[in-house]
Amino acid sequence: MDKVIYGYKAFDKNLKSILGNQFEIGKTYEIEEDNLKIRINGFHFCEDVYDIFKYYRPKIHKMRRII
């Protein structure tokens, strides 16, 4: 069984990420490993909720705990 890692992600008021990815609560998102491009289509999160403010403070509308 894979290890579960919890983290925190910041979104705008429409659950869109800073890179423009649109998310929905309860939905799972994956990227095929051979199509992964850093800062283009990858997903990121912070393991500590307070770290979000180091990167996104002016643009945060919502924060969610993610798996």
PDB file of N, CA and C in Angstrom:
ATOM      1  N   MET A   1       0.836  -1.186   0.000  1.00  0.00           N
ATOM      2  CA  MET A   1       0.000   0.000   0.000  1.00  0.00           C
ATOM      3  C   MET A   1       0.877   1.244   0.000  1.00  0.00           C
ATOM      4  N   ASP A   2       0.493   2.247  -0.775  1.00  0.00           N
ATOM      5  CA  ASP A   2       1.244   3.490  -0.843  1.00  0.00           C
ATOM      6  C   ASP A   2       1.093   4.278   0.452  1.00  0.00           C
ATOM      7  N   LYS A   3       2.143   5.006   0.788  1.00  0.00           N
ATOM      8  CA  LYS A   3       2.113   5.875   1.962  1.00  0.00           C
ATOM      9  C   LYS A   3       1.247   7.094   1.655  1.00  0.00           C
ATOM     10  N   VAL A   4       0.388   7.465   2.585  1.00  0.00           N
ATOM     11  CA  VAL A   4      -0.474   8.639   2.425  1.00  0.00           C
ATOM     12  C   VAL A   4       0.244   9.844   3.026  1.00  0.00           C
ATOM     13  N   ILE A   5       0.341  10.900   2.241  1.00  0.00           N
ATOM     14  CA  ILE A   5       0.961  12.140   2.699  1.00  0.00           C
ATOM     15  C   ILE A   5      -0.097  13.235   2.660  1.00  0.00           C
ATOM     16  N   TYR A   6      -0.265  13.924   3.779  1.00  0.00           N
ATOM     17  CA  TYR A   6      -1.208  15.035   3.842  1.00  0.00           C
ATOM     18  C   TYR A   6      -0.455  16.338   3.663  1.00  0.00           C
ATOM     19  N   GLY A   7      -1.089  17.294   3.048  1.00  0.00           N
ATOM     20  CA  GLY A   7      -0.479  18.597   2.858  1.00  0.00           C
ATOM     21  C   GLY A   7      -1.553  19.652   2.701  1.00  0.00           C
ATOM     22  N   TYR A   8      -1.138  20.854   2.346  1.00  0.00           N
ATOM     23  CA  TYR A   8      -2.051  21.986   2.214  1.00  0.00           C
ATOM     24  C   TYR A   8      -1.791  22.695   0.898  1.00  0.00           C
ATOM     25  N   LYS A   9      -2.857  23.139   0.267  1.00  0.00           N
ATOM     26  CA  LYS A   9      -2.756  23.799  -1.021  1.00  0.00           C
ATOM     27  C   LYS A   9      -3.595  25.061  -0.998  1.00  0.00           C
ATOM     28  N   ALA A  10      -3.098  26.098  -1.668  1.00  0.00           N
ATOM     29  CA  ALA A  10      -3.810  27.374  -1.754  1.00  0.00           C
ATOM     30  C   ALA A  10      -4.494  27.491  -3.113  1.00  0.00           C
ATOM     31  N   PHE A  11      -5.652  28.117  -3.113  1.00  0.00           N
ATOM     32  CA  PHE A  11      -6.445  28.301  -4.326  1.00  0.00           C
ATOM     33  C   PHE A  11      -7.028  29.707  -4.352  1.00  0.00           C
ATOM     34  N   ASP A  12      -7.505  30.120  -5.527  1.00  0.00           N
ATOM     35  CA  ASP A  12      -8.283  31.352  -5.575  1.00  0.00           C
ATOM     36  C   ASP A  12      -9.722  31.019  -5.189  1.00  0.00           C
ATOM     37  N   LYS A  13     -10.619  31.968  -5.258  1.00  0.00           N
ATOM     38  CA  LYS A  13     -11.999  31.756  -4.801  1.00  0.00           C
ATOM     39  C   LYS A  13     -12.749  30.723  -5.634  1.00  0.00           C
ATOM     40  N   ASN A  14     -12.236  30.387  -6.823  1.00  0.00           N
ATOM     41  CA  ASN A  14     -12.878  29.389  -7.697  1.00  0.00           C
ATOM     42  C   ASN A  14     -12.152  28.052  -7.696  1.00  0.00           C
ATOM     43  N   LEU A  15     -11.282  27.837  -6.703  1.00  0.00           N
ATOM     44  CA  LEU A  15     -10.461  26.631  -6.574  1.00  0.00           C
ATOM     45  C   LEU A  15      -9.509  26.438  -7.753  1.00  0.00           C
ATOM     46  N   LYS A  16      -8.986  27.520  -8.265  1.00  0.00           N
ATOM     47  CA  LYS A  16      -7.984  27.466  -9.331  1.00  0.00           C
ATOM     48  C   LYS A  16      -6.624  27.742  -8.689  1.00  0.00           C
ATOM     49  N   SER A  17      -5.608  26.962  -9.099  1.00  0.00           N
ATOM     50  CA  SER A  17      -4.270  27.138  -8.531  1.00  0.00           C
ATOM     51  C   SER A  17      -3.561  28.314  -9.173  1.00  0.00           C
ATOM     52  N   ILE A  18      -2.435  28.683  -8.589  1.00  0.00           N
ATOM     53  CA  ILE A  18      -1.657  29.800  -9.112  1.00  0.00           C
ATOM     54  C   ILE A  18      -1.136  29.513 -10.524  1.00  0.00           C
ATOM     55  N   LEU A  19      -0.979  28.231 -10.874  1.00  0.00           N
ATOM     56  CA  LEU A  19      -0.538  27.855 -12.217  1.00  0.00           C
ATOM     57  C   LEU A  19      -1.709  27.668 -13.178  1.00  0.00           C
ATOM     58  N   GLY A  20      -2.934  27.922 -12.697  1.00  0.00           N
ATOM     59  CA  GLY A  20      -4.097  27.869 -13.578  1.00  0.00           C
ATOM     60  C   GLY A  20      -4.837  26.552 -13.622  1.00  0.00           C
ATOM     61  N   ASN A  21      -4.451  25.581 -12.801  1.00  0.00           N
ATOM     62  CA  ASN A  21      -5.161  24.303 -12.757  1.00  0.00           C
ATOM     63  C   ASN A  21      -6.479  24.474 -12.016  1.00  0.00           C
ATOM     64  N   GLN A  22      -7.565  23.982 -12.595  1.00  0.00           N
ATOM     65  CA  GLN A  22      -8.884  24.048 -11.967  1.00  0.00           C
ATOM     66  C   GLN A  22      -9.119  22.772 -11.166  1.00  0.00           C
ATOM     67  N   PHE A  23      -9.488  22.907  -9.905  1.00  0.00           N
ATOM     68  CA  PHE A  23      -9.726  21.762  -9.029  1.00  0.00           C
ATOM     69  C   PHE A  23     -11.172  21.729  -8.567  1.00  0.00           C
ATOM     70  N   GLU A  24     -11.613  20.534  -8.157  1.00  0.00           N
ATOM     71  CA  GLU A  24     -12.926  20.329  -7.555  1.00  0.00           C
ATOM     72  C   GLU A  24     -12.738  19.534  -6.271  1.00  0.00           C
ATOM     73  N   ILE A  25     -13.483  19.877  -5.242  1.00  0.00           N
ATOM     74  CA  ILE A  25     -13.405  19.159  -3.971  1.00  0.00           C
ATOM     75  C   ILE A  25     -13.902  17.737  -4.168  1.00  0.00           C
ATOM     76  N   GLY A  26     -13.136  16.768  -3.636  1.00  0.00           N
ATOM     77  CA  GLY A  26     -13.505  15.366  -3.705  1.00  0.00           C
ATOM     78  C   GLY A  26     -12.997  14.640  -4.937  1.00  0.00           C
ATOM     79  N   LYS A  27     -12.392  15.336  -5.860  1.00  0.00           N
ATOM     80  CA  LYS A  27     -11.899  14.732  -7.092  1.00  0.00           C
ATOM     81  C   LYS A  27     -10.409  14.434  -6.958  1.00  0.00           C
ATOM     82  N   THR A  28      -9.935  13.376  -7.607  1.00  0.00           N
ATOM     83  CA  THR A  28      -8.528  12.988  -7.604  1.00  0.00           C
ATOM     84  C   THR A  28      -7.885  13.395  -8.921  1.00  0.00           C
ATOM     85  N   TYR A  29      -6.664  13.922  -8.833  1.00  0.00           N
ATOM     86  CA  TYR A  29      -5.951  14.385 -10.025  1.00  0.00           C
ATOM     87  C   TYR A  29      -4.609  13.684 -10.122  1.00  0.00           C
ATOM     88  N   GLU A  30      -4.260  13.263 -11.313  1.00  0.00           N
ATOM     89  CA  GLU A  30      -2.983  12.598 -11.552  1.00  0.00           C
ATOM     90  C   GLU A  30      -2.401  13.105 -12.868  1.00  0.00           C
ATOM     91  N   ILE A  31      -1.084  13.023 -12.972  1.00  0.00           N
ATOM     92  CA  ILE A  31      -0.381  13.339 -14.215  1.00  0.00           C
ATOM     93  C   ILE A  31       0.489  12.139 -14.540  1.00  0.00           C
ATOM     94  N   GLU A  32       0.445  11.701 -15.794  1.00  0.00           N
ATOM     95  CA  GLU A  32       1.292  10.586 -16.197  1.00  0.00           C
ATOM     96  C   GLU A  32       2.753  10.985 -16.016  1.00  0.00           C
ATOM     97  N   GLU A  33       3.520  10.098 -15.407  1.00  0.00           N
ATOM     98  CA  GLU A  33       4.898  10.403 -15.055  1.00  0.00           C
ATOM     99  C   GLU A  33       5.739  10.853 -16.258  1.00  0.00           C
ATOM    100  N   ASP A  34       5.536  10.259 -17.423  1.00  0.00           N
ATOM    101  CA  ASP A  34       6.351  10.631 -18.582  1.00  0.00           C
ATOM    102  C   ASP A  34       5.908  11.949 -19.219  1.00  0.00           C
ATOM    103  N   ASN A  35       4.787  12.534 -18.767  1.00  0.00           N
ATOM    104  CA  ASN A  35       4.329  13.831 -19.264  1.00  0.00           C
ATOM    105  C   ASN A  35       4.538  14.958 -18.262  1.00  0.00           C
ATOM    106  N   LEU A  36       5.195  14.675 -17.148  1.00  0.00           N
ATOM    107  CA  LEU A  36       5.381  15.652 -16.081  1.00  0.00           C
ATOM    108  C   LEU A  36       6.416  16.702 -16.480  1.00  0.00           C
ATOM    109  N   LYS A  37       6.036  17.971 -16.360  1.00  0.00           N
ATOM    110  CA  LYS A  37       6.936  19.090 -16.649  1.00  0.00           C
ATOM    111  C   LYS A  37       6.851  20.076 -15.486  1.00  0.00           C
ATOM    112  N   ILE A  38       7.968  20.266 -14.807  1.00  0.00           N
ATOM    113  CA  ILE A  38       8.012  21.140 -13.638  1.00  0.00           C
ATOM    114  C   ILE A  38       7.578  22.556 -14.008  1.00  0.00           C
ATOM    115  N   ARG A  39       6.725  23.142 -13.177  1.00  0.00           N
ATOM    116  CA  ARG A  39       6.160  24.485 -13.332  1.00  0.00           C
ATOM    117  C   ARG A  39       5.276  24.637 -14.572  1.00  0.00           C
ATOM    118  N   ILE A  40       4.944  23.541 -15.214  1.00  0.00           N
ATOM    119  CA  ILE A  40       4.043  23.582 -16.364  1.00  0.00           C
ATOM    120  C   ILE A  40       2.753  22.836 -16.022  1.00  0.00           C
ATOM    121  N   ASN A  41       2.871  21.574 -15.617  1.00  0.00           N
ATOM    122  CA  ASN A  41       1.679  20.772 -15.360  1.00  0.00           C
ATOM    123  C   ASN A  41       1.764  19.932 -14.092  1.00  0.00           C
ATOM    124  N   GLY A  42       2.757  20.131 -13.270  1.00  0.00           N
ATOM    125  CA  GLY A  42       2.872  19.361 -12.035  1.00  0.00           C
ATOM    126  C   GLY A  42       2.019  19.959 -10.922  1.00  0.00           C
ATOM    127  N   PHE A  43       1.801  19.188  -9.873  1.00  0.00           N
ATOM    128  CA  PHE A  43       1.059  19.654  -8.703  1.00  0.00           C
ATOM    129  C   PHE A  43       2.017  19.770  -7.532  1.00  0.00           C
ATOM    130  N   HIS A  44       1.806  20.733  -6.686  1.00  0.00           N
ATOM    131  CA  HIS A  44       2.639  20.924  -5.507  1.00  0.00           C
ATOM    132  C   HIS A  44       1.751  21.267  -4.319  1.00  0.00           C
ATOM    133  N   PHE A  45       2.306  21.137  -3.134  1.00  0.00           N
ATOM    134  CA  PHE A  45       1.588  21.480  -1.911  1.00  0.00           C
ATOM    135  C   PHE A  45       2.605  21.727  -0.815  1.00  0.00           C
ATOM    136  N   CYS A  46       2.156  22.235   0.307  1.00  0.00           N
ATOM    137  CA  CYS A  46       3.005  22.467   1.476  1.00  0.00           C
ATOM    138  C   CYS A  46       2.630  21.459   2.554  1.00  0.00           C
ATOM    139  N   GLU A  47       3.636  20.890   3.184  1.00  0.00           N
ATOM    140  CA  GLU A  47       3.357  19.948   4.267  1.00  0.00           C
ATOM    141  C   GLU A  47       2.943  20.670   5.538  1.00  0.00           C
ATOM    142  N   ASP A  48       3.391  21.895   5.731  1.00  0.00           N
ATOM    143  CA  ASP A  48       3.015  22.711   6.885  1.00  0.00           C
ATOM    144  C   ASP A  48       2.107  23.843   6.401  1.00  0.00           C
ATOM    145  N   VAL A  49       0.941  23.974   6.977  1.00  0.00           N
ATOM    146  CA  VAL A  49      -0.042  24.967   6.535  1.00  0.00           C
ATOM    147  C   VAL A  49       0.527  26.387   6.538  1.00  0.00           C
ATOM    148  N   TYR A  50       1.412  26.688   7.460  1.00  0.00           N
ATOM    149  CA  TYR A  50       1.966  28.042   7.551  1.00  0.00           C
ATOM    150  C   TYR A  50       2.934  28.356   6.407  1.00  0.00           C
ATOM    151  N   ASP A  51       3.493  27.337   5.773  1.00  0.00           N
ATOM    152  CA  ASP A  51       4.388  27.561   4.640  1.00  0.00           C
ATOM    153  C   ASP A  51       3.656  28.164   3.444  1.00  0.00           C
ATOM    154  N   ILE A  52       2.365  27.961   3.346  1.00  0.00           N
ATOM    155  CA  ILE A  52       1.592  28.534   2.240  1.00  0.00           C
ATOM    156  C   ILE A  52       1.778  30.052   2.199  1.00  0.00           C
ATOM    157  N   PHE A  53       1.836  30.689   3.353  1.00  0.00           N
ATOM    158  CA  PHE A  53       1.946  32.145   3.406  1.00  0.00           C
ATOM    159  C   PHE A  53       3.295  32.655   2.901  1.00  0.00           C
ATOM    160  N   LYS A  54       4.308  31.791   2.837  1.00  0.00           N
ATOM    161  CA  LYS A  54       5.608  32.189   2.291  1.00  0.00           C
ATOM    162  C   LYS A  54       5.528  32.383   0.782  1.00  0.00           C
ATOM    163  N   TYR A  55       4.577  31.714   0.148  1.00  0.00           N
ATOM    164  CA  TYR A  55       4.506  31.710  -1.311  1.00  0.00           C
ATOM    165  C   TYR A  55       3.293  32.441  -1.885  1.00  0.00           C
ATOM    166  N   TYR A  56       2.171  32.427  -1.182  1.00  0.00           N
ATOM    167  CA  TYR A  56       0.913  32.849  -1.792  1.00  0.00           C
ATOM    168  C   TYR A  56       0.131  33.905  -1.032  1.00  0.00           C
ATOM    169  N   ARG A  57       0.685  34.517  -0.072  1.00  0.00           N
ATOM    170  CA  ARG A  57      -0.075  35.403   0.811  1.00  0.00           C
ATOM    171  C   ARG A  57      -1.041  36.357   0.093  1.00  0.00           C
ATOM    172  N   PRO A  58      -0.641  37.122  -0.899  1.00  0.00           N
ATOM    173  CA  PRO A  58      -1.586  38.086  -1.481  1.00  0.00           C
ATOM    174  C   PRO A  58      -2.714  37.450  -2.294  1.00  0.00           C
ATOM    175  N   LYS A  59      -2.546  36.215  -2.719  1.00  0.00           N
ATOM    176  CA  LYS A  59      -3.505  35.628  -3.652  1.00  0.00           C
ATOM    177  C   LYS A  59      -4.393  34.553  -3.051  1.00  0.00           C
ATOM    178  N   ILE A  60      -4.227  34.241  -1.789  1.00  0.00           N
ATOM    179  CA  ILE A  60      -4.985  33.151  -1.182  1.00  0.00           C
ATOM    180  C   ILE A  60      -6.430  33.563  -0.922  1.00  0.00           C
ATOM    181  N   HIS A  61      -7.338  32.727  -1.378  1.00  0.00           N
ATOM    182  CA  HIS A  61      -8.746  32.893  -1.044  1.00  0.00           C
ATOM    183  C   HIS A  61      -9.221  31.687  -0.242  1.00  0.00           C
ATOM    184  N   LYS A  62      -8.673  30.517  -0.578  1.00  0.00           N
ATOM    185  CA  LYS A  62      -9.050  29.285   0.103  1.00  0.00           C
ATOM    186  C   LYS A  62      -7.817  28.434   0.319  1.00  0.00           C
ATOM    187  N   MET A  63      -7.800  27.705   1.443  1.00  0.00           N
ATOM    188  CA  MET A  63      -6.775  26.710   1.684  1.00  0.00           C
ATOM    189  C   MET A  63      -7.483  25.411   1.994  1.00  0.00           C
ATOM    190  N   ARG A  64      -6.959  24.335   1.494  1.00  0.00           N
ATOM    191  CA  ARG A  64      -7.563  23.025   1.718  1.00  0.00           C
ATOM    192  C   ARG A  64      -6.490  22.034   2.135  1.00  0.00           C
ATOM    193  N   ARG A  65      -6.863  21.117   3.020  1.00  0.00           N
ATOM    194  CA  ARG A  65      -5.995  19.999   3.359  1.00  0.00           C
ATOM    195  C   ARG A  65      -6.183  18.965   2.262  1.00  0.00           C
ATOM    196  N   ILE A  66      -5.084  18.448   1.732  1.00  0.00           N
ATOM    197  CA  ILE A  66      -5.163  17.494   0.626  1.00  0.00           C
ATOM    198  C   ILE A  66      -4.408  16.230   0.984  1.00  0.00           C
ATOM    199  N   ILE A  67      -4.656  15.188   0.217  1.00  0.00           N
ATOM    200  CA  ILE A  67      -3.949  13.910   0.371  1.00  0.00           C
ATOM    201  C   ILE A  67      -3.101  13.710  -0.861  1.00  0.00           C
TER     202      ILE A  67
END
